């Protein structure tokens, strides 16, 4: 599940992307317009700054801005920074892998097999969707679905 921190981070980053050429945006403005508690937003923005996704400038004309074009920041990057792993099971987590206590043989685990495919599909969508795609009026492109009956 997407944490509140990641959801708020995506909202804040989308707000910055919509105002990419406006210069520094005050944190209070982001918090108010996006309905994010200011203290929580400050923590989120610090994490994003520490990971190089946004810049901050103090003083007159200061505020927050994207560190690189919105087209070069992916939703997957933001979610991983703020939410952690995208893994659906602890045994699939690449950074903090933990074997499941109820599973004797991971290679034979049918739940793991399905969750691995589902996680890969989620990661692909998030990693292929740029912040510009998300912020743009058209949103991310939807795949064309074909059904044969």
N, C-alpha and C. Protein backbone atom coordinates (compact mmCIF):
# COMPACT_ATOMS: atom_id res chain seq x y z
N UNK A 1 0.83 -1.17 0.00
CA UNK A 1 0.00 0.00 0.00
C UNK A 1 0.89 1.24 0.00
N UNK A 2 0.44 2.25 -0.68
CA UNK A 2 1.15 3.51 -0.75
C UNK A 2 0.97 4.24 0.58
N UNK A 3 2.08 4.65 1.18
CA UNK A 3 2.01 5.38 2.46
C UNK A 3 1.50 6.80 2.23
N UNK A 4 1.03 7.42 3.30
CA UNK A 4 0.61 8.82 3.22
C UNK A 4 1.79 9.68 2.83
N UNK A 5 2.97 9.34 3.31
CA UNK A 5 4.18 10.11 2.98
C UNK A 5 4.43 10.09 1.48
N UNK A 6 4.32 8.93 0.86
CA UNK A 6 4.54 8.83 -0.59
C UNK A 6 3.43 9.53 -1.36
N UNK A 7 2.20 9.39 -0.92
CA UNK A 7 1.08 10.06 -1.60
C UNK A 7 1.25 11.58 -1.54
N UNK A 8 1.56 12.10 -0.36
CA UNK A 8 1.78 13.53 -0.22
C UNK A 8 2.99 13.99 -1.03
N UNK A 9 4.03 13.17 -1.05
CA UNK A 9 5.21 13.50 -1.84
C UNK A 9 4.89 13.60 -3.32
N UNK A 10 4.08 12.69 -3.82
CA UNK A 10 3.67 12.73 -5.22
C UNK A 10 2.83 13.98 -5.50
N UNK A 11 1.95 14.32 -4.57
CA UNK A 11 1.14 15.53 -4.75
C UNK A 11 2.02 16.77 -4.77
N UNK A 12 2.98 16.84 -3.85
CA UNK A 12 3.88 18.00 -3.78
C UNK A 12 4.75 18.09 -5.03
N UNK A 13 5.28 16.96 -5.48
CA UNK A 13 6.14 16.95 -6.67
C UNK A 13 5.34 17.31 -7.92
N UNK A 14 4.11 16.85 -8.01
CA UNK A 14 3.26 17.20 -9.14
C UNK A 14 2.98 18.70 -9.14
N UNK A 15 2.75 19.25 -7.96
CA UNK A 15 2.52 20.69 -7.83
C UNK A 15 3.75 21.47 -8.32
N UNK A 16 4.94 21.02 -7.91
CA UNK A 16 6.17 21.67 -8.37
C UNK A 16 6.34 21.51 -9.89
N UNK A 17 6.00 20.35 -10.42
CA UNK A 17 6.14 20.11 -11.86
C UNK A 17 5.20 21.03 -12.65
N UNK A 18 3.99 21.25 -12.12
CA UNK A 18 3.05 22.15 -12.78
C UNK A 18 3.57 23.59 -12.81
N UNK A 19 4.47 23.91 -11.90
CA UNK A 19 5.02 25.26 -11.78
C UNK A 19 6.52 25.26 -12.03
N UNK A 20 6.94 24.39 -12.91
CA UNK A 20 8.36 24.15 -13.17
C UNK A 20 9.13 25.42 -13.52
N UNK A 21 8.53 26.33 -14.21
CA UNK A 21 9.22 27.55 -14.65
C UNK A 21 8.92 28.74 -13.75
N UNK A 22 8.26 28.53 -12.64
CA UNK A 22 7.82 29.64 -11.79
C UNK A 22 8.87 30.06 -10.76
N UNK A 23 9.97 29.35 -10.66
CA UNK A 23 10.95 29.65 -9.62
C UNK A 23 10.60 28.94 -8.34
N UNK A 24 11.09 29.47 -7.22
CA UNK A 24 10.86 28.81 -5.94
C UNK A 24 9.42 28.91 -5.46
N UNK A 25 8.91 27.79 -5.00
CA UNK A 25 7.55 27.71 -4.46
C UNK A 25 7.66 27.49 -2.96
N UNK A 26 6.98 28.29 -2.20
CA UNK A 26 7.02 28.19 -0.75
C UNK A 26 6.36 26.89 -0.27
N UNK A 27 6.95 26.30 0.76
CA UNK A 27 6.39 25.08 1.34
C UNK A 27 4.98 25.31 1.87
N UNK A 28 4.73 26.47 2.45
CA UNK A 28 3.40 26.78 2.98
C UNK A 28 2.35 26.77 1.87
N UNK A 29 2.73 27.24 0.68
CA UNK A 29 1.81 27.24 -0.46
C UNK A 29 1.48 25.81 -0.87
N UNK A 30 2.51 24.98 -0.94
CA UNK A 30 2.29 23.57 -1.30
C UNK A 30 1.38 22.91 -0.27
N UNK A 31 1.70 23.11 1.00
CA UNK A 31 0.92 22.49 2.08
C UNK A 31 -0.54 22.91 2.02
N UNK A 32 -0.77 24.20 1.83
CA UNK A 32 -2.15 24.71 1.83
C UNK A 32 -2.93 24.22 0.61
N UNK A 33 -2.36 24.35 -0.57
CA UNK A 33 -3.09 23.99 -1.78
C UNK A 33 -3.29 22.49 -1.94
N UNK A 34 -2.34 21.71 -1.40
CA UNK A 34 -2.42 20.26 -1.56
C UNK A 34 -2.98 19.54 -0.32
N UNK A 35 -3.35 20.33 0.69
CA UNK A 35 -3.94 19.79 1.92
C UNK A 35 -3.02 18.78 2.60
N UNK A 36 -1.78 19.21 2.79
CA UNK A 36 -0.76 18.39 3.43
C UNK A 36 -0.33 19.10 4.71
N UNK A 37 -0.31 18.40 5.85
CA UNK A 37 0.17 19.04 7.08
C UNK A 37 1.58 19.60 6.87
N UNK A 38 1.80 20.86 7.23
CA UNK A 38 3.06 21.56 6.93
C UNK A 38 4.28 20.85 7.52
N UNK A 39 4.21 20.42 8.77
CA UNK A 39 5.37 19.76 9.39
C UNK A 39 5.69 18.44 8.68
N UNK A 40 4.67 17.72 8.29
CA UNK A 40 4.87 16.46 7.57
C UNK A 40 5.48 16.76 6.20
N UNK A 41 4.97 17.79 5.54
CA UNK A 41 5.50 18.18 4.24
C UNK A 41 6.98 18.56 4.35
N UNK A 42 7.35 19.28 5.39
CA UNK A 42 8.75 19.66 5.57
C UNK A 42 9.66 18.44 5.61
N UNK A 43 9.24 17.39 6.29
CA UNK A 43 10.01 16.14 6.35
C UNK A 43 10.11 15.50 4.97
N UNK A 44 9.01 15.48 4.25
CA UNK A 44 8.97 14.89 2.91
C UNK A 44 9.89 15.66 1.97
N UNK A 45 9.80 16.98 1.99
CA UNK A 45 10.62 17.79 1.11
C UNK A 45 12.11 17.64 1.44
N UNK A 46 12.43 17.49 2.70
CA UNK A 46 13.83 17.27 3.09
C UNK A 46 14.34 15.94 2.52
N UNK A 47 13.54 14.89 2.61
CA UNK A 47 13.93 13.60 2.03
C UNK A 47 14.16 13.72 0.52
N UNK A 48 13.25 14.41 -0.16
CA UNK A 48 13.38 14.57 -1.61
C UNK A 48 14.60 15.42 -1.97
N UNK A 49 14.88 16.41 -1.16
CA UNK A 49 16.08 17.24 -1.37
C UNK A 49 17.35 16.42 -1.14
N UNK A 50 17.36 15.65 -0.07
CA UNK A 50 18.54 14.83 0.24
C UNK A 50 18.82 13.77 -0.83
N UNK A 51 17.81 13.40 -1.58
CA UNK A 51 17.97 12.43 -2.67
C UNK A 51 18.14 13.12 -4.03
N UNK A 52 18.27 14.43 -4.03
CA UNK A 52 18.58 15.15 -5.26
C UNK A 52 17.43 15.40 -6.22
N UNK A 53 16.19 15.27 -5.75
CA UNK A 53 15.07 15.50 -6.65
C UNK A 53 14.57 16.94 -6.63
N UNK A 54 14.80 17.64 -5.53
CA UNK A 54 14.39 19.04 -5.47
C UNK A 54 15.52 19.89 -4.90
N UNK A 55 15.42 21.18 -5.18
CA UNK A 55 16.34 22.17 -4.63
C UNK A 55 15.53 23.07 -3.71
N UNK A 56 16.22 23.66 -2.74
CA UNK A 56 15.57 24.66 -1.91
C UNK A 56 16.49 25.85 -1.78
N UNK A 57 15.86 27.01 -1.70
CA UNK A 57 16.61 28.25 -1.59
C UNK A 57 15.93 29.10 -0.53
N UNK A 58 16.72 29.62 0.40
CA UNK A 58 16.17 30.48 1.44
C UNK A 58 16.19 31.93 0.99
N UNK A 59 15.38 32.72 1.67
CA UNK A 59 15.38 34.16 1.41
C UNK A 59 14.37 34.58 0.37
N UNK A 60 14.48 35.85 0.00
CA UNK A 60 13.56 36.43 -0.98
C UNK A 60 13.68 35.70 -2.32
N UNK A 61 12.56 35.33 -2.86
CA UNK A 61 12.55 34.60 -4.12
C UNK A 61 12.89 33.12 -3.95
N UNK A 62 13.03 32.71 -2.71
CA UNK A 62 13.39 31.32 -2.43
C UNK A 62 12.18 30.41 -2.43
N UNK A 63 12.43 29.18 -2.08
CA UNK A 63 11.39 28.17 -2.05
C UNK A 63 11.92 26.88 -2.64
N UNK A 64 11.01 26.02 -3.03
CA UNK A 64 11.36 24.72 -3.58
C UNK A 64 11.16 24.70 -5.09
N UNK A 65 12.03 23.94 -5.75
CA UNK A 65 11.90 23.74 -7.19
C UNK A 65 12.47 22.37 -7.52
N UNK A 66 12.11 21.86 -8.68
CA UNK A 66 12.64 20.57 -9.12
C UNK A 66 14.13 20.71 -9.42
N UNK A 67 14.90 19.70 -9.09
CA UNK A 67 16.35 19.73 -9.34
C UNK A 67 16.68 19.38 -10.78
N UNK A 68 15.76 18.76 -11.48
CA UNK A 68 15.93 18.45 -12.89
C UNK A 68 14.55 18.46 -13.54
N UNK A 69 14.50 18.43 -14.85
CA UNK A 69 13.19 18.50 -15.52
C UNK A 69 12.24 17.38 -15.06
N UNK A 70 10.97 17.72 -14.99
CA UNK A 70 9.95 16.75 -14.56
C UNK A 70 9.93 15.52 -15.45
N UNK A 71 10.34 15.67 -16.68
CA UNK A 71 10.36 14.53 -17.61
C UNK A 71 11.48 13.54 -17.26
N UNK A 72 12.42 13.95 -16.39
CA UNK A 72 13.53 13.08 -16.01
C UNK A 72 13.43 12.57 -14.57
N UNK A 73 12.27 12.74 -13.97
CA UNK A 73 12.00 12.21 -12.63
C UNK A 73 10.84 11.24 -12.77
N UNK A 74 11.02 10.02 -12.28
CA UNK A 74 9.94 9.04 -12.42
C UNK A 74 9.15 8.91 -11.12
N UNK A 75 7.92 8.50 -11.27
CA UNK A 75 7.06 8.23 -10.13
C UNK A 75 7.70 7.14 -9.27
N UNK A 76 8.33 6.16 -9.92
CA UNK A 76 9.00 5.08 -9.20
C UNK A 76 10.10 5.60 -8.28
N UNK A 77 10.88 6.57 -8.75
CA UNK A 77 11.93 7.15 -7.91
C UNK A 77 11.34 7.78 -6.66
N UNK A 78 10.29 8.55 -6.84
CA UNK A 78 9.67 9.24 -5.71
C UNK A 78 9.10 8.24 -4.71
N UNK A 79 8.39 7.25 -5.21
CA UNK A 79 7.77 6.26 -4.33
C UNK A 79 8.83 5.47 -3.57
N UNK A 80 9.91 5.08 -4.23
CA UNK A 80 10.96 4.33 -3.53
C UNK A 80 11.62 5.17 -2.44
N UNK A 81 11.83 6.46 -2.70
CA UNK A 81 12.44 7.33 -1.70
C UNK A 81 11.53 7.47 -0.48
N UNK A 82 10.26 7.65 -0.71
CA UNK A 82 9.34 7.97 0.38
C UNK A 82 8.60 6.77 0.96
N UNK A 83 8.45 5.72 0.19
CA UNK A 83 7.67 4.55 0.62
C UNK A 83 8.57 3.36 0.91
N UNK A 84 9.77 3.38 0.36
CA UNK A 84 10.64 2.22 0.48
C UNK A 84 10.44 1.28 -0.70
N UNK A 85 10.67 0.06 -0.47
CA UNK A 85 10.59 -0.96 -1.51
C UNK A 85 9.19 -1.07 -2.11
N UNK A 86 9.14 -1.51 -3.35
CA UNK A 86 7.86 -1.79 -4.00
C UNK A 86 7.46 -3.26 -3.85
N UNK A 87 8.31 -4.05 -3.19
CA UNK A 87 8.07 -5.48 -3.06
C UNK A 87 6.75 -5.76 -2.33
N UNK A 88 6.02 -6.74 -2.83
CA UNK A 88 4.74 -7.11 -2.24
C UNK A 88 4.88 -8.16 -1.14
N UNK A 89 6.03 -8.81 -1.07
CA UNK A 89 6.32 -9.79 -0.02
C UNK A 89 7.73 -9.54 0.50
N UNK A 90 7.99 -9.83 1.77
CA UNK A 90 9.34 -9.60 2.31
C UNK A 90 10.42 -10.42 1.58
N UNK A 91 10.04 -11.57 1.05
CA UNK A 91 11.03 -12.42 0.36
C UNK A 91 11.37 -11.89 -1.04
N UNK A 92 10.62 -10.89 -1.51
CA UNK A 92 10.88 -10.29 -2.82
C UNK A 92 11.60 -8.96 -2.73
N UNK A 93 11.80 -8.47 -1.53
CA UNK A 93 12.43 -7.17 -1.32
C UNK A 93 13.92 -7.28 -1.62
N UNK A 94 14.38 -6.53 -2.62
CA UNK A 94 15.78 -6.62 -3.04
C UNK A 94 16.74 -5.95 -2.06
N UNK A 95 16.26 -4.95 -1.31
CA UNK A 95 17.16 -4.23 -0.41
C UNK A 95 17.14 -4.77 1.01
N UNK A 96 16.02 -5.27 1.47
CA UNK A 96 15.92 -5.78 2.84
C UNK A 96 15.20 -7.13 2.83
N UNK A 97 15.71 -8.05 2.05
CA UNK A 97 15.08 -9.34 1.85
C UNK A 97 15.00 -10.14 3.14
N UNK A 98 13.80 -10.67 3.41
CA UNK A 98 13.57 -11.54 4.56
C UNK A 98 12.79 -12.75 4.07
N UNK A 99 13.28 -13.94 4.35
CA UNK A 99 12.51 -15.12 3.93
C UNK A 99 11.19 -15.21 4.71
N UNK A 100 10.18 -15.70 4.04
CA UNK A 100 8.88 -15.90 4.70
C UNK A 100 9.01 -17.08 5.66
N UNK A 101 8.48 -16.94 6.85
CA UNK A 101 8.61 -18.00 7.86
C UNK A 101 7.76 -19.22 7.55
N UNK A 102 6.73 -19.05 6.76
CA UNK A 102 5.83 -20.16 6.46
C UNK A 102 6.15 -20.89 5.16
N UNK A 103 7.27 -20.53 4.54
CA UNK A 103 7.59 -21.09 3.24
C UNK A 103 8.91 -21.87 3.32
N UNK A 104 8.85 -23.14 3.03
CA UNK A 104 10.05 -23.96 3.08
C UNK A 104 10.89 -23.87 1.81
N UNK A 105 10.25 -23.69 0.68
CA UNK A 105 10.96 -23.67 -0.60
C UNK A 105 10.44 -22.50 -1.45
N UNK A 106 11.19 -21.40 -1.47
CA UNK A 106 10.75 -20.22 -2.21
C UNK A 106 10.54 -20.50 -3.69
N UNK A 107 11.36 -21.35 -4.27
CA UNK A 107 11.24 -21.62 -5.70
C UNK A 107 9.94 -22.34 -6.04
N UNK A 108 9.32 -22.99 -5.07
CA UNK A 108 8.07 -23.70 -5.30
C UNK A 108 6.85 -22.91 -4.80
N UNK A 109 7.07 -21.75 -4.22
CA UNK A 109 5.97 -20.96 -3.64
C UNK A 109 5.16 -20.29 -4.74
N UNK A 110 3.91 -20.68 -4.86
CA UNK A 110 3.04 -20.14 -5.89
C UNK A 110 2.62 -18.71 -5.58
N UNK A 111 2.49 -18.38 -4.30
CA UNK A 111 2.14 -17.01 -3.92
C UNK A 111 3.27 -16.07 -4.32
N UNK A 112 4.49 -16.47 -4.04
CA UNK A 112 5.67 -15.66 -4.37
C UNK A 112 5.75 -15.43 -5.88
N UNK A 113 5.47 -16.47 -6.65
CA UNK A 113 5.55 -16.39 -8.11
C UNK A 113 4.58 -15.33 -8.65
N UNK A 114 3.35 -15.35 -8.17
CA UNK A 114 2.34 -14.39 -8.64
C UNK A 114 2.67 -12.98 -8.15
N UNK A 115 3.06 -12.85 -6.89
CA UNK A 115 3.37 -11.53 -6.34
C UNK A 115 4.62 -10.94 -6.99
N UNK A 116 5.53 -11.79 -7.43
CA UNK A 116 6.70 -11.32 -8.15
C UNK A 116 6.30 -10.70 -9.48
N UNK A 117 5.39 -11.35 -10.20
CA UNK A 117 4.90 -10.81 -11.47
C UNK A 117 4.12 -9.52 -11.26
N UNK A 118 3.28 -9.50 -10.24
CA UNK A 118 2.49 -8.30 -9.96
C UNK A 118 3.40 -7.14 -9.58
N UNK A 119 4.39 -7.39 -8.76
CA UNK A 119 5.34 -6.35 -8.35
C UNK A 119 6.13 -5.81 -9.53
N UNK A 120 6.51 -6.71 -10.43
CA UNK A 120 7.26 -6.29 -11.61
C UNK A 120 6.40 -5.39 -12.50
N UNK A 121 5.11 -5.72 -12.62
CA UNK A 121 4.21 -4.90 -13.42
C UNK A 121 4.02 -3.51 -12.80
N UNK A 122 3.88 -3.46 -11.49
CA UNK A 122 3.74 -2.18 -10.79
C UNK A 122 5.00 -1.35 -10.98
N UNK A 123 6.16 -1.97 -10.77
CA UNK A 123 7.43 -1.26 -10.91
C UNK A 123 7.60 -0.72 -12.33
N UNK A 124 7.22 -1.50 -13.32
CA UNK A 124 7.34 -1.07 -14.71
C UNK A 124 6.50 0.18 -14.97
N UNK A 125 5.27 0.18 -14.49
CA UNK A 125 4.39 1.33 -14.69
C UNK A 125 4.95 2.56 -13.98
N UNK A 126 5.36 2.41 -12.73
CA UNK A 126 5.89 3.56 -11.98
C UNK A 126 7.19 4.07 -12.55
N UNK A 127 8.03 3.17 -13.04
CA UNK A 127 9.33 3.58 -13.59
C UNK A 127 9.23 4.15 -14.99
N UNK A 128 8.15 3.87 -15.69
CA UNK A 128 7.95 4.41 -17.04
C UNK A 128 7.09 5.67 -17.04
N UNK A 129 6.55 6.03 -15.88
CA UNK A 129 5.72 7.23 -15.78
C UNK A 129 6.56 8.35 -15.17
N UNK A 130 6.79 9.38 -15.96
CA UNK A 130 7.56 10.52 -15.46
C UNK A 130 6.64 11.45 -14.67
N UNK A 131 7.27 12.28 -13.90
CA UNK A 131 6.52 13.30 -13.17
C UNK A 131 5.78 14.21 -14.15
N UNK A 132 6.36 14.48 -15.30
CA UNK A 132 5.70 15.28 -16.34
C UNK A 132 4.45 14.57 -16.82
N UNK A 133 4.53 13.24 -17.03
CA UNK A 133 3.35 12.47 -17.44
C UNK A 133 2.24 12.61 -16.40
N UNK A 134 2.62 12.48 -15.14
CA UNK A 134 1.64 12.53 -14.06
C UNK A 134 1.06 13.94 -13.92
N UNK A 135 1.89 14.94 -14.06
CA UNK A 135 1.45 16.32 -13.88
C UNK A 135 0.71 16.86 -15.10
N UNK A 136 1.03 16.34 -16.27
CA UNK A 136 0.43 16.85 -17.50
C UNK A 136 -1.07 16.69 -17.52
N UNK A 137 -1.72 17.54 -18.27
CA UNK A 137 -3.19 17.52 -18.31
C UNK A 137 -3.73 16.22 -18.89
N UNK A 138 -2.95 15.58 -19.73
CA UNK A 138 -3.41 14.33 -20.31
C UNK A 138 -3.10 13.13 -19.43
N UNK A 139 -2.20 13.29 -18.45
CA UNK A 139 -1.83 12.18 -17.59
C UNK A 139 -1.03 11.15 -18.36
N UNK A 140 -0.67 10.04 -17.70
CA UNK A 140 0.09 9.00 -18.39
C UNK A 140 -0.75 8.33 -19.47
N UNK A 141 -0.10 7.93 -20.50
CA UNK A 141 -0.81 7.25 -21.58
C UNK A 141 -1.29 5.88 -21.11
N UNK A 142 -2.50 5.57 -21.46
CA UNK A 142 -3.05 4.27 -21.12
C UNK A 142 -2.75 3.29 -22.24
N UNK A 143 -2.44 2.05 -21.90
CA UNK A 143 -2.20 1.07 -22.95
C UNK A 143 -3.50 0.76 -23.70
N UNK A 144 -3.37 0.39 -24.93
CA UNK A 144 -4.52 -0.01 -25.73
C UNK A 144 -4.77 -1.48 -25.41
N UNK A 145 -5.95 -1.77 -24.96
CA UNK A 145 -6.28 -3.13 -24.57
C UNK A 145 -7.06 -3.81 -25.69
N UNK A 146 -6.74 -5.05 -25.97
CA UNK A 146 -7.44 -5.83 -26.98
C UNK A 146 -8.02 -7.07 -26.30
N UNK A 147 -9.27 -7.31 -26.52
CA UNK A 147 -9.92 -8.47 -25.95
C UNK A 147 -10.41 -9.37 -27.07
N UNK A 148 -10.06 -10.62 -26.99
CA UNK A 148 -10.57 -11.60 -27.95
C UNK A 148 -11.58 -12.48 -27.25
N UNK A 149 -12.71 -12.63 -27.88
CA UNK A 149 -13.76 -13.47 -27.29
C UNK A 149 -14.04 -14.62 -28.21
